[in-house]
Amino acid sequence: MMKDCYKNKKAFTLLEMLVALGIFAIISTIVVWIMITSFRSNAIIWEQLKTQNEGRRALQEVIDDVRRAEESSIGSYTVDSASEYEFSFFANIDDDSLREKVRFFIDGTTLKKGVTNVEGNPLNYNGEENIVEIAHDAVNIAKNAPLFLYYDQDYSGIENALDFPVNITDIRVVRIQLELEKDPTATPVPLHVEGVVSIRNLKGN
């Protein structure tokens, strides 16, 4: 009789161990899942911040250059071309006295800046364009969201943008809007950064 009780007690202890191990395994799985989710969330947040900061720097660069737009060094009109995803103009963006041809445009998901120096005798803008990347993960084209919108001299902040194709001589104000998305599966909506700049040398024209 005592032997049977001992066997039952031993079997009950083994069952307790199995239950305890099962509970431990469940708790461990939950803890690991929480840690992994936390790491992923932190990684997404940091990537979003990095992307947003890059976008803001790029936006500021566009604004600074567009604000300085003026007639070219050979007498060409201030604005060279203007479309939804590309804007080209003349401005003195370096330390010399000559104006460069500056072009901002989206290539795939990369916002790029092209600069062509004036050179030769007589002066011309036929030289090589130096292109650099200033922002990545731009999804404007995929989202059908124009990078550039243009306004005339009556701009007050509430009217509609000029229709495309734009008459470049009507442009007085440019709105730049960047849609940035590092990972479409990780963020519900793209990050949006935008700015508005007046071409100061065309204000009185």
N, C-alpha and C. Protein backbone atom coordinates (compact mmCIF):
# COMPACT_ATOMS: atom_id res chain seq x y z
N MET A 1 0.82 -1.20 0.00
CA MET A 1 0.00 0.00 0.00
C MET A 1 0.86 1.26 0.00
N MET A 2 1.86 1.33 0.86
CA MET A 2 2.77 2.48 0.92
C MET A 2 3.56 2.62 -0.37
N LYS A 3 3.88 1.48 -1.00
CA LYS A 3 4.64 1.49 -2.25
C LYS A 3 3.83 2.14 -3.36
N ASP A 4 2.52 1.86 -3.39
CA ASP A 4 1.65 2.44 -4.41
C ASP A 4 1.56 3.95 -4.23
N CYS A 5 1.47 4.39 -2.98
CA CYS A 5 1.40 5.83 -2.72
C CYS A 5 2.67 6.53 -3.19
N TYR A 6 3.79 5.88 -3.00
CA TYR A 6 5.07 6.46 -3.43
C TYR A 6 5.11 6.62 -4.95
N LYS A 7 4.58 5.59 -5.64
CA LYS A 7 4.56 5.66 -7.10
C LYS A 7 3.67 6.82 -7.56
N ASN A 8 2.49 6.97 -6.93
CA ASN A 8 1.59 8.04 -7.31
C ASN A 8 2.22 9.40 -7.06
N LYS A 9 2.91 9.55 -5.93
CA LYS A 9 3.56 10.80 -5.60
C LYS A 9 4.64 11.14 -6.59
N LYS A 10 5.40 10.12 -7.02
CA LYS A 10 6.47 10.33 -8.00
C LYS A 10 5.90 10.74 -9.34
N ALA A 11 4.81 10.07 -9.77
CA ALA A 11 4.17 10.40 -11.03
C ALA A 11 3.62 11.82 -11.01
N PHE A 12 3.05 12.23 -9.90
CA PHE A 12 2.51 13.59 -9.76
C PHE A 12 3.62 14.63 -9.85
N THR A 13 4.78 14.35 -9.27
CA THR A 13 5.91 15.27 -9.34
C THR A 13 6.41 15.42 -10.76
N LEU A 14 6.44 14.36 -11.53
CA LEU A 14 6.85 14.40 -12.92
C LEU A 14 5.87 15.24 -13.75
N LEU A 15 4.58 15.07 -13.46
CA LEU A 15 3.57 15.84 -14.16
C LEU A 15 3.73 17.34 -13.87
N GLU A 16 4.02 17.64 -12.60
CA GLU A 16 4.26 19.03 -12.24
C GLU A 16 5.44 19.62 -13.01
N MET A 17 6.48 18.85 -13.15
CA MET A 17 7.66 19.30 -13.89
C MET A 17 7.32 19.60 -15.35
N LEU A 18 6.51 18.68 -15.93
CA LEU A 18 6.13 18.88 -17.33
C LEU A 18 5.29 20.14 -17.50
N VAL A 19 4.35 20.32 -16.55
CA VAL A 19 3.51 21.52 -16.61
C VAL A 19 4.36 22.77 -16.44
N ALA A 20 5.30 22.73 -15.47
CA ALA A 20 6.17 23.87 -15.23
C ALA A 20 7.03 24.19 -16.45
N LEU A 21 7.54 23.11 -17.07
CA LEU A 21 8.35 23.32 -18.28
C LEU A 21 7.52 23.92 -19.40
N GLY A 22 6.27 23.47 -19.51
CA GLY A 22 5.39 24.01 -20.54
C GLY A 22 5.11 25.49 -20.32
N ILE A 23 4.82 25.84 -19.05
CA ILE A 23 4.57 27.24 -18.72
C ILE A 23 5.80 28.08 -18.98
N PHE A 24 6.96 27.55 -18.61
CA PHE A 24 8.23 28.27 -18.83
C PHE A 24 8.46 28.50 -20.32
N ALA A 25 8.16 27.47 -21.13
CA ALA A 25 8.36 27.58 -22.57
C ALA A 25 7.44 28.65 -23.16
N ILE A 26 6.19 28.69 -22.69
CA ILE A 26 5.23 29.69 -23.18
C ILE A 26 5.69 31.10 -22.81
N ILE A 27 6.07 31.27 -21.53
CA ILE A 27 6.52 32.58 -21.06
C ILE A 27 7.77 33.01 -21.82
N SER A 28 8.71 32.08 -22.03
CA SER A 28 9.94 32.39 -22.77
C SER A 28 9.63 32.84 -24.19
N THR A 29 8.68 32.12 -24.82
CA THR A 29 8.29 32.47 -26.19
C THR A 29 7.70 33.87 -26.25
N ILE A 30 6.85 34.21 -25.28
CA ILE A 30 6.23 35.53 -25.24
C ILE A 30 7.29 36.62 -25.03
N VAL A 31 8.21 36.36 -24.09
CA VAL A 31 9.26 37.34 -23.81
C VAL A 31 10.13 37.58 -25.04
N VAL A 32 10.52 36.48 -25.71
CA VAL A 32 11.35 36.59 -26.92
C VAL A 32 10.59 37.35 -28.01
N TRP A 33 9.29 37.04 -28.16
CA TRP A 33 8.48 37.73 -29.17
C TRP A 33 8.40 39.22 -28.88
N ILE A 34 8.20 39.56 -27.60
CA ILE A 34 8.14 40.98 -27.22
C ILE A 34 9.47 41.67 -27.51
N MET A 35 10.58 41.00 -27.20
CA MET A 35 11.89 41.60 -27.44
C MET A 35 12.13 41.82 -28.93
N ILE A 36 11.78 40.79 -29.73
CA ILE A 36 11.99 40.90 -31.18
C ILE A 36 11.13 42.03 -31.75
N THR A 37 9.85 42.07 -31.31
CA THR A 37 8.94 43.13 -31.78
C THR A 37 9.45 44.50 -31.38
N SER A 38 9.98 44.60 -30.16
CA SER A 38 10.51 45.88 -29.68
C SER A 38 11.71 46.31 -30.50
N PHE A 39 12.63 45.36 -30.78
CA PHE A 39 13.80 45.68 -31.59
C PHE A 39 13.38 46.13 -32.99
N ARG A 40 12.41 45.40 -33.56
CA ARG A 40 11.94 45.76 -34.91
C ARG A 40 11.30 47.14 -34.91
N SER A 41 10.49 47.42 -33.90
CA SER A 41 9.83 48.73 -33.81
C SER A 41 10.86 49.84 -33.68
N ASN A 42 11.88 49.60 -32.85
CA ASN A 42 12.93 50.61 -32.69
C ASN A 42 13.68 50.82 -33.99
N ALA A 43 13.94 49.71 -34.70
CA ALA A 43 14.65 49.81 -35.98
C ALA A 43 13.83 50.62 -36.98
N ILE A 44 12.50 50.36 -37.01
CA ILE A 44 11.63 51.09 -37.93
C ILE A 44 11.61 52.57 -37.59
N ILE A 45 11.51 52.88 -36.29
CA ILE A 45 11.49 54.28 -35.85
C ILE A 45 12.77 54.99 -36.24
N TRP A 46 13.92 54.34 -36.02
CA TRP A 46 15.19 54.96 -36.37
C TRP A 46 15.33 55.15 -37.87
N GLU A 47 14.84 54.16 -38.65
CA GLU A 47 14.90 54.29 -40.10
C GLU A 47 14.01 55.43 -40.57
N GLN A 48 12.83 55.57 -39.94
CA GLN A 48 11.93 56.66 -40.29
C GLN A 48 12.57 58.01 -39.97
N LEU A 49 13.20 58.11 -38.82
CA LEU A 49 13.86 59.36 -38.43
C LEU A 49 15.00 59.69 -39.40
N LYS A 50 15.77 58.66 -39.75
CA LYS A 50 16.88 58.86 -40.68
C LYS A 50 16.37 59.33 -42.04
N THR A 51 15.31 58.67 -42.52
CA THR A 51 14.73 59.02 -43.81
C THR A 51 14.16 60.43 -43.77
N GLN A 52 13.45 60.75 -42.68
CA GLN A 52 12.86 62.08 -42.55
C GLN A 52 13.91 63.17 -42.48
N ASN A 53 14.97 62.93 -41.73
CA ASN A 53 16.05 63.93 -41.62
C ASN A 53 16.72 64.15 -42.97
N GLU A 54 16.94 63.06 -43.69
CA GLU A 54 17.54 63.19 -45.02
C GLU A 54 16.62 63.98 -45.94
N GLY A 55 15.32 63.70 -45.85
CA GLY A 55 14.35 64.42 -46.67
C GLY A 55 14.31 65.89 -46.35
N ARG A 56 14.38 66.23 -45.07
CA ARG A 56 14.36 67.64 -44.67
C ARG A 56 15.61 68.38 -45.13
N ARG A 57 16.75 67.70 -45.05
CA ARG A 57 17.99 68.33 -45.53
C ARG A 57 17.92 68.58 -47.04
N ALA A 58 17.39 67.58 -47.76
CA ALA A 58 17.26 67.72 -49.21
C ALA A 58 16.29 68.84 -49.55
N LEU A 59 15.18 68.89 -48.82
CA LEU A 59 14.19 69.94 -49.05
C LEU A 59 14.78 71.31 -48.83
N GLN A 60 15.57 71.47 -47.77
CA GLN A 60 16.19 72.76 -47.49
C GLN A 60 17.17 73.15 -48.58
N GLU A 61 17.88 72.17 -49.12
CA GLU A 61 18.83 72.45 -50.20
C GLU A 61 18.11 72.93 -51.44
N VAL A 62 16.99 72.29 -51.76
CA VAL A 62 16.21 72.72 -52.92
C VAL A 62 15.71 74.16 -52.71
N ILE A 63 15.15 74.41 -51.53
CA ILE A 63 14.62 75.75 -51.23
C ILE A 63 15.71 76.82 -51.33
N ASP A 64 16.86 76.54 -50.74
CA ASP A 64 17.95 77.52 -50.75
C ASP A 64 18.39 77.85 -52.17
N ASP A 65 18.49 76.82 -53.02
CA ASP A 65 18.95 77.05 -54.39
C ASP A 65 17.88 77.74 -55.23
N VAL A 66 16.64 77.31 -55.10
CA VAL A 66 15.56 77.91 -55.89
C VAL A 66 15.41 79.38 -55.52
N ARG A 67 15.54 79.71 -54.25
CA ARG A 67 15.41 81.10 -53.81
C ARG A 67 16.42 82.00 -54.52
N ARG A 68 17.58 81.45 -54.89
CA ARG A 68 18.64 82.25 -55.53
C ARG A 68 18.54 82.26 -57.05
N ALA A 69 17.52 81.65 -57.60
CA ALA A 69 17.40 81.55 -59.06
C ALA A 69 17.37 82.93 -59.71
N GLU A 70 18.08 83.05 -60.83
CA GLU A 70 18.13 84.32 -61.56
C GLU A 70 18.52 84.06 -63.01
N GLU A 71 18.54 85.09 -63.78
CA GLU A 71 18.90 84.98 -65.19
C GLU A 71 20.28 84.34 -65.34
N SER A 72 20.44 83.51 -66.37
CA SER A 72 21.72 82.81 -66.56
C SER A 72 22.84 83.77 -66.93
N SER A 73 24.04 83.27 -66.92
CA SER A 73 25.21 84.09 -67.24
C SER A 73 25.30 84.43 -68.73
N ILE A 74 24.43 83.81 -69.55
CA ILE A 74 24.42 84.13 -70.97
C ILE A 74 23.09 84.78 -71.36
N GLY A 75 22.32 85.19 -70.35
CA GLY A 75 21.09 85.93 -70.61
C GLY A 75 19.84 85.09 -70.75
N SER A 76 19.94 83.78 -70.51
CA SER A 76 18.75 82.92 -70.61
C SER A 76 17.78 83.21 -69.48
N TYR A 77 16.50 82.89 -69.71
CA TYR A 77 15.48 83.13 -68.69
C TYR A 77 15.79 82.32 -67.42
N THR A 78 15.39 82.83 -66.28
CA THR A 78 15.69 82.24 -64.97
C THR A 78 15.34 80.76 -64.90
N VAL A 79 14.13 80.42 -65.31
CA VAL A 79 13.67 79.02 -65.26
C VAL A 79 13.94 78.36 -66.61
N ASP A 80 14.57 77.20 -66.56
CA ASP A 80 14.90 76.48 -67.79
C ASP A 80 13.79 75.51 -68.17
N SER A 81 13.30 74.73 -67.20
CA SER A 81 12.20 73.79 -67.45
C SER A 81 11.51 73.48 -66.14
N ALA A 82 10.23 73.11 -66.24
CA ALA A 82 9.46 72.82 -65.04
C ALA A 82 8.42 71.75 -65.33
N SER A 83 8.51 70.63 -64.62
CA SER A 83 7.53 69.56 -64.76
C SER A 83 7.22 68.99 -63.37
N GLU A 84 6.41 67.93 -63.32
CA GLU A 84 6.00 67.37 -62.03
C GLU A 84 7.18 66.84 -61.22
N TYR A 85 8.16 66.25 -61.91
CA TYR A 85 9.25 65.57 -61.21
C TYR A 85 10.63 66.13 -61.53
N GLU A 86 10.67 67.30 -62.18
CA GLU A 86 11.96 67.90 -62.52
C GLU A 86 11.82 69.42 -62.59
N PHE A 87 12.80 70.10 -62.03
CA PHE A 87 12.81 71.56 -62.09
C PHE A 87 14.23 72.01 -62.36
N SER A 88 14.40 72.81 -63.40
CA SER A 88 15.72 73.26 -63.82
C SER A 88 15.73 74.78 -63.92
N PHE A 89 16.78 75.39 -63.40
CA PHE A 89 16.86 76.84 -63.36
C PHE A 89 18.32 77.26 -63.27
N PHE A 90 18.56 78.57 -63.28
CA PHE A 90 19.92 79.09 -63.17
C PHE A 90 20.08 79.83 -61.84
N ALA A 91 21.21 79.63 -61.20
CA ALA A 91 21.47 80.29 -59.91
C ALA A 91 22.96 80.22 -59.61
N ASN A 92 23.43 81.20 -58.89
CA ASN A 92 24.83 81.19 -58.45
C ASN A 92 24.88 80.48 -57.10
N ILE A 93 25.29 79.21 -57.11
CA ILE A 93 25.28 78.42 -55.88
C ILE A 93 26.68 78.14 -55.35
N ASP A 94 27.69 78.76 -55.95
CA ASP A 94 29.05 78.57 -55.45
C ASP A 94 29.69 79.93 -55.18
N ASP A 95 31.00 79.96 -55.12
CA ASP A 95 31.71 81.17 -54.69
C ASP A 95 32.13 82.09 -55.83
N ASP A 96 31.86 81.69 -57.08
CA ASP A 96 32.27 82.57 -58.18
C ASP A 96 31.13 83.54 -58.51
N SER A 97 31.32 84.30 -59.57
CA SER A 97 30.32 85.31 -59.95
C SER A 97 29.38 84.83 -61.05
N LEU A 98 29.58 83.59 -61.49
CA LEU A 98 28.78 83.05 -62.58
C LEU A 98 27.62 82.20 -62.06
N ARG A 99 26.57 82.11 -62.87
CA ARG A 99 25.41 81.32 -62.49
C ARG A 99 25.50 79.92 -63.09
N GLU A 100 25.20 78.93 -62.28
CA GLU A 100 25.19 77.55 -62.72
C GLU A 100 23.77 77.15 -63.16
N LYS A 101 23.70 76.14 -64.00
CA LYS A 101 22.40 75.55 -64.33
C LYS A 101 22.15 74.44 -63.31
N VAL A 102 21.07 74.55 -62.55
CA VAL A 102 20.77 73.60 -61.47
C VAL A 102 19.51 72.82 -61.84
N ARG A 103 19.57 71.52 -61.63
CA ARG A 103 18.43 70.67 -61.97
C ARG A 103 18.16 69.70 -60.82
N PHE A 104 16.96 69.73 -60.29
CA PHE A 104 16.52 68.76 -59.30
C PHE A 104 15.53 67.82 -59.96
N PHE A 105 15.70 66.53 -59.75
CA PHE A 105 14.82 65.57 -60.41
C PHE A 105 14.81 64.24 -59.66
N ILE A 106 13.77 63.47 -59.87
CA ILE A 106 13.67 62.14 -59.28
C ILE A 106 14.04 61.10 -60.32
N ASP A 107 14.93 60.22 -59.93
CA ASP A 107 15.34 59.10 -60.77
C ASP A 107 14.97 57.83 -60.02
N GLY A 108 13.87 57.21 -60.39
CA GLY A 108 13.39 56.04 -59.64
C GLY A 108 12.86 56.48 -58.29
N THR A 109 13.60 56.13 -57.23
CA THR A 109 13.22 56.57 -55.88
C THR A 109 14.29 57.47 -55.27
N THR A 110 15.15 58.02 -56.11
CA THR A 110 16.25 58.87 -55.63
C THR A 110 16.09 60.29 -56.13
N LEU A 111 16.14 61.22 -55.19
CA LEU A 111 16.12 62.64 -55.56
C LEU A 111 17.56 63.05 -55.85
N LYS A 112 17.77 63.60 -57.03
CA LYS A 112 19.11 63.96 -57.46
C LYS A 112 19.20 65.45 -57.79
N LYS A 113 20.44 65.93 -57.73
CA LYS A 113 20.73 67.31 -58.08
C LYS A 113 21.82 67.33 -59.13
N GLY A 114 21.54 68.00 -60.23
CA GLY A 114 22.53 68.12 -61.29
C GLY A 114 22.97 69.57 -61.43
N VAL A 115 24.26 69.77 -61.59
CA VAL A 115 24.80 71.13 -61.73
C VAL A 115 25.69 71.17 -62.98
N THR A 116 25.40 72.14 -63.84
CA THR A 116 26.22 72.34 -65.03
C THR A 116 26.82 73.74 -64.96
N ASN A 117 28.13 73.81 -65.00
CA ASN A 117 28.82 75.10 -64.96
C ASN A 117 28.81 75.76 -66.33
N VAL A 118 28.82 77.07 -66.32
CA VAL A 118 28.95 77.81 -67.57
C VAL A 118 30.44 77.90 -67.91
N GLU A 119 30.77 77.71 -69.19
CA GLU A 119 32.19 77.68 -69.57
C GLU A 119 32.34 78.02 -71.05
N GLY A 120 33.58 78.09 -71.49
CA GLY A 120 33.86 78.31 -72.91
C GLY A 120 33.89 79.77 -73.30
N ASN A 121 34.20 79.98 -74.56
CA ASN A 121 34.26 81.32 -75.14
C ASN A 121 33.70 81.24 -76.57
N PRO A 122 32.48 81.66 -76.78
CA PRO A 122 31.59 82.33 -75.82
C PRO A 122 31.06 81.36 -74.75
N LEU A 123 30.57 81.92 -73.65
CA LEU A 123 30.07 81.11 -72.54
C LEU A 123 28.89 80.25 -72.98
N ASN A 124 28.84 79.03 -72.43
CA ASN A 124 27.73 78.13 -72.75
C ASN A 124 27.53 77.14 -71.60
N TYR A 125 26.44 76.42 -71.65
CA TYR A 125 26.12 75.41 -70.63
C TYR A 125 26.12 74.01 -71.24
N ASN A 126 27.04 73.78 -72.15
CA ASN A 126 27.08 72.50 -72.86
C ASN A 126 28.02 71.49 -72.21
N GLY A 127 28.62 71.85 -71.08
CA GLY A 127 29.56 70.94 -70.43
C GLY A 127 28.88 69.81 -69.69
N GLU A 128 29.69 69.01 -69.01
CA GLU A 128 29.18 67.84 -68.30
C GLU A 128 28.39 68.26 -67.06
N GLU A 129 27.29 67.59 -66.84
CA GLU A 129 26.46 67.84 -65.65
C GLU A 129 26.96 66.98 -64.50
N ASN A 130 27.25 67.62 -63.38
CA ASN A 130 27.69 66.89 -62.19
C ASN A 130 26.45 66.54 -61.36
N ILE A 131 26.18 65.25 -61.20
CA ILE A 131 24.96 64.80 -60.53
C ILE A 131 25.30 64.13 -59.20
N VAL A 132 24.58 64.51 -58.16
CA VAL A 132 24.74 63.91 -56.84
C VAL A 132 23.37 63.50 -56.31
N GLU A 133 23.35 62.50 -55.45
CA GLU A 133 22.12 62.04 -54.82
C GLU A 133 21.93 62.80 -53.51
N ILE A 134 20.73 63.34 -53.30
CA ILE A 134 20.51 64.11 -52.07
C ILE A 134 19.41 63.52 -51.18
N ALA A 135 18.62 62.59 -51.69
CA ALA A 135 17.62 61.91 -50.86
C ALA A 135 17.23 60.59 -51.51
N HIS A 136 16.91 59.63 -50.66
CA HIS A 136 16.54 58.30 -51.14
C HIS A 136 15.14 57.92 -50.64
N ASP A 137 14.63 56.83 -51.20
CA ASP A 137 13.32 56.29 -50.78
C ASP A 137 12.17 57.24 -51.08
N ALA A 138 12.30 58.03 -52.13
CA ALA A 138 11.22 58.92 -52.56
C ALA A 138 10.23 58.12 -53.40
N VAL A 139 8.97 58.15 -53.01
CA VAL A 139 7.95 57.35 -53.70
C VAL A 139 6.93 58.25 -54.42
N ASN A 140 7.34 59.45 -54.75
CA ASN A 140 6.43 60.38 -55.44
C ASN A 140 5.88 59.79 -56.73
N ILE A 141 6.75 59.19 -57.53
CA ILE A 141 6.31 58.65 -58.81
C ILE A 141 5.34 57.49 -58.59
N ALA A 142 5.68 56.60 -57.66
CA ALA A 142 4.82 55.44 -57.38
C ALA A 142 3.46 55.88 -56.84
N LYS A 143 3.45 56.95 -56.06
CA LYS A 143 2.21 57.45 -55.46
C LYS A 143 1.52 58.49 -56.34
N ASN A 144 2.09 58.76 -57.51
CA ASN A 144 1.54 59.76 -58.42
C ASN A 144 1.38 61.11 -57.73
N ALA A 145 2.39 61.46 -56.93
CA ALA A 145 2.39 62.73 -56.20
C ALA A 145 3.49 63.61 -56.76
N PRO A 146 3.14 64.70 -57.44
CA PRO A 146 4.16 65.57 -58.03
C PRO A 146 5.18 66.05 -56.99
N LEU A 147 6.43 66.04 -57.38
CA LEU A 147 7.49 66.57 -56.52
C LEU A 147 7.43 68.09 -56.50
N PHE A 148 7.08 68.67 -57.65
CA PHE A 148 7.02 70.13 -57.78
C PHE A 148 5.62 70.58 -58.22
N LEU A 149 5.15 71.64 -57.57
CA LEU A 149 3.94 72.34 -58.00
C LEU A 149 4.31 73.81 -58.14
N TYR A 150 3.68 74.49 -59.09
CA TYR A 150 4.09 75.85 -59.41
C TYR A 150 2.89 76.81 -59.32
N TYR A 151 3.21 78.04 -58.92
CA TYR A 151 2.16 79.05 -58.73
C TYR A 151 2.61 80.36 -59.37
N ASP A 152 1.64 81.19 -59.73
CA ASP A 152 1.96 82.46 -60.37
C ASP A 152 2.07 83.58 -59.34
N GLN A 153 2.09 84.81 -59.81
CA GLN A 153 2.32 85.97 -58.94
C GLN A 153 1.16 86.24 -57.98
N ASP A 154 0.01 85.61 -58.21
CA ASP A 154 -1.15 85.81 -57.34
C ASP A 154 -1.18 84.82 -56.18
N TYR A 155 -0.14 84.07 -56.00
CA TYR A 155 -0.13 83.03 -54.95
C TYR A 155 -0.34 83.64 -53.56
N SER A 156 -1.28 83.07 -52.84
CA SER A 156 -1.52 83.49 -51.46
C SER A 156 -1.58 82.30 -50.51
N GLY A 157 -1.47 81.09 -51.06
CA GLY A 157 -1.47 79.90 -50.23
C GLY A 157 -2.73 79.06 -50.33
N ILE A 158 -3.75 79.56 -51.01
CA ILE A 158 -5.01 78.82 -51.06
C ILE A 158 -5.42 78.43 -52.49
N GLU A 159 -4.83 79.07 -53.51
CA GLU A 159 -5.25 78.76 -54.87
C GLU A 159 -4.60 77.48 -55.38
N ASN A 160 -5.17 76.97 -56.47
CA ASN A 160 -4.64 75.76 -57.09
C ASN A 160 -3.33 76.05 -57.82
N ALA A 161 -2.53 75.01 -57.95
CA ALA A 161 -1.27 75.13 -58.69
C ALA A 161 -1.56 75.32 -60.17
N LEU A 162 -0.57 75.82 -60.89
CA LEU A 162 -0.69 75.97 -62.34
C LEU A 162 -0.84 74.61 -62.99
N ASP A 163 -1.60 74.56 -64.05
CA ASP A 163 -1.81 73.30 -64.77
C ASP A 163 -0.56 72.92 -65.56
N PHE A 164 -0.35 71.61 -65.69
CA PHE A 164 0.74 71.10 -66.53
C PHE A 164 0.23 70.90 -67.95
N PRO A 165 1.04 71.18 -68.97
CA PRO A 165 2.40 71.74 -68.88
C PRO A 165 2.37 73.20 -68.47
N VAL A 166 3.35 73.58 -67.67
CA VAL A 166 3.41 74.91 -67.10
C VAL A 166 4.13 75.87 -68.05
N ASN A 167 3.61 77.06 -68.15
CA ASN A 167 4.32 78.13 -68.86
C ASN A 167 5.37 78.67 -67.88
N ILE A 168 6.64 78.48 -68.17
CA ILE A 168 7.69 78.81 -67.21
C ILE A 168 7.73 80.30 -66.87
N THR A 169 7.24 81.15 -67.75
CA THR A 169 7.27 82.59 -67.46
C THR A 169 6.20 82.99 -66.44
N ASP A 170 5.27 82.07 -66.13
CA ASP A 170 4.24 82.35 -65.13
C ASP A 170 4.69 81.99 -63.71
N ILE A 171 5.75 81.24 -63.60
CA ILE A 171 6.16 80.72 -62.30
C ILE A 171 6.78 81.80 -61.42
N ARG A 172 6.26 81.92 -60.22
CA ARG A 172 6.82 82.82 -59.22
C ARG A 172 7.10 82.10 -57.90
N VAL A 173 6.33 81.05 -57.66
CA VAL A 173 6.43 80.29 -56.41
C VAL A 173 6.48 78.81 -56.74
N VAL A 174 7.31 78.08 -55.98
CA VAL A 174 7.44 76.63 -56.18
C VAL A 174 7.16 75.91 -54.86
N ARG A 175 6.32 74.90 -54.94
CA ARG A 175 6.08 74.03 -53.78
C ARG A 175 6.80 72.71 -54.03
N ILE A 176 7.59 72.31 -53.05
CA ILE A 176 8.31 71.04 -53.14
C ILE A 176 7.71 70.10 -52.10
N GLN A 177 7.32 68.91 -52.53
CA GLN A 177 6.74 67.96 -51.59
C GLN A 177 7.35 66.57 -51.84
N LEU A 178 7.99 66.08 -50.80
CA LEU A 178 8.66 64.78 -50.87
C LEU A 178 7.85 63.74 -50.11
N GLU A 179 7.59 62.61 -50.79
CA GLU A 179 6.94 61.47 -50.15
C GLU A 179 8.01 60.40 -49.96
N LEU A 180 8.30 60.06 -48.71
CA LEU A 180 9.41 59.16 -48.40
C LEU A 180 8.91 57.90 -47.71
N GLU A 181 9.38 56.76 -48.19
CA GLU A 181 8.95 55.49 -47.61
C GLU A 181 10.08 54.47 -47.72
N LYS A 182 10.73 54.20 -46.59
CA LYS A 182 11.85 53.27 -46.56
C LYS A 182 11.39 51.85 -46.84
N ASP A 183 10.32 51.42 -46.14
CA ASP A 183 9.82 50.06 -46.28
C ASP A 183 8.29 50.11 -46.30
N PRO A 184 7.66 49.92 -47.47
CA PRO A 184 6.20 50.01 -47.57
C PRO A 184 5.47 49.02 -46.66
N THR A 185 6.12 47.90 -46.31
CA THR A 185 5.47 46.89 -45.47
C THR A 185 5.54 47.24 -43.99
N ALA A 186 6.36 48.23 -43.64
CA ALA A 186 6.57 48.56 -42.22
C ALA A 186 5.88 49.85 -41.80
N THR A 187 5.55 50.73 -42.76
CA THR A 187 4.93 52.00 -42.41
C THR A 187 3.56 52.10 -43.08
N PRO A 188 2.54 52.57 -42.36
CA PRO A 188 1.19 52.64 -42.93
C PRO A 188 1.07 53.67 -44.05
N VAL A 189 1.77 54.80 -43.91
CA VAL A 189 1.73 55.86 -44.93
C VAL A 189 3.14 56.42 -45.08
N PRO A 190 3.46 56.98 -46.27
CA PRO A 190 4.79 57.57 -46.46
C PRO A 190 4.97 58.80 -45.58
N LEU A 191 6.23 59.09 -45.25
CA LEU A 191 6.55 60.34 -44.56
C LEU A 191 6.43 61.48 -45.57
N HIS A 192 5.90 62.59 -45.13
CA HIS A 192 5.67 63.72 -46.03
C HIS A 192 6.41 64.95 -45.52
N VAL A 193 7.27 65.50 -46.37
CA VAL A 193 7.93 66.77 -46.05
C VAL A 193 7.72 67.71 -47.23
N GLU A 194 7.43 68.95 -46.93
CA GLU A 194 7.20 69.90 -48.02
C GLU A 194 7.61 71.31 -47.61
N GLY A 195 7.82 72.14 -48.62
CA GLY A 195 8.16 73.54 -48.39
C GLY A 195 7.75 74.37 -49.59
N VAL A 196 7.60 75.65 -49.36
CA VAL A 196 7.21 76.58 -50.42
C VAL A 196 8.25 77.68 -50.49
N VAL A 197 8.67 78.02 -51.70
CA VAL A 197 9.70 79.04 -51.87
C VAL A 197 9.34 79.98 -53.01
N SER A 198 9.55 81.26 -52.79
CA SER A 198 9.37 82.27 -53.83
C SER A 198 10.70 82.50 -54.55
N ILE A 199 10.64 82.64 -55.86
CA ILE A 199 11.84 82.98 -56.62
C ILE A 199 11.99 84.49 -56.52
N ARG A 200 12.86 84.92 -55.63
CA ARG A 200 12.91 86.33 -55.26
C ARG A 200 13.26 87.25 -56.42
N ASN A 201 14.07 86.76 -57.38
CA ASN A 201 14.47 87.61 -58.50
C ASN A 201 13.38 87.72 -59.57
N LEU A 202 12.24 87.04 -59.36
CA LEU A 202 11.12 87.16 -60.30
C LEU A 202 9.94 87.87 -59.67
N LYS A 203 10.05 88.26 -58.44
CA LYS A 203 8.91 88.86 -57.73
C LYS A 203 8.34 90.07 -58.45
N GLY A 204 9.21 90.91 -58.95
CA GLY A 204 8.73 92.14 -59.59
C GLY A 204 8.46 92.01 -61.06
N ASN A 205 8.70 90.82 -61.63
CA ASN A 205 8.53 90.64 -63.08
C ASN A 205 7.05 90.41 -63.44
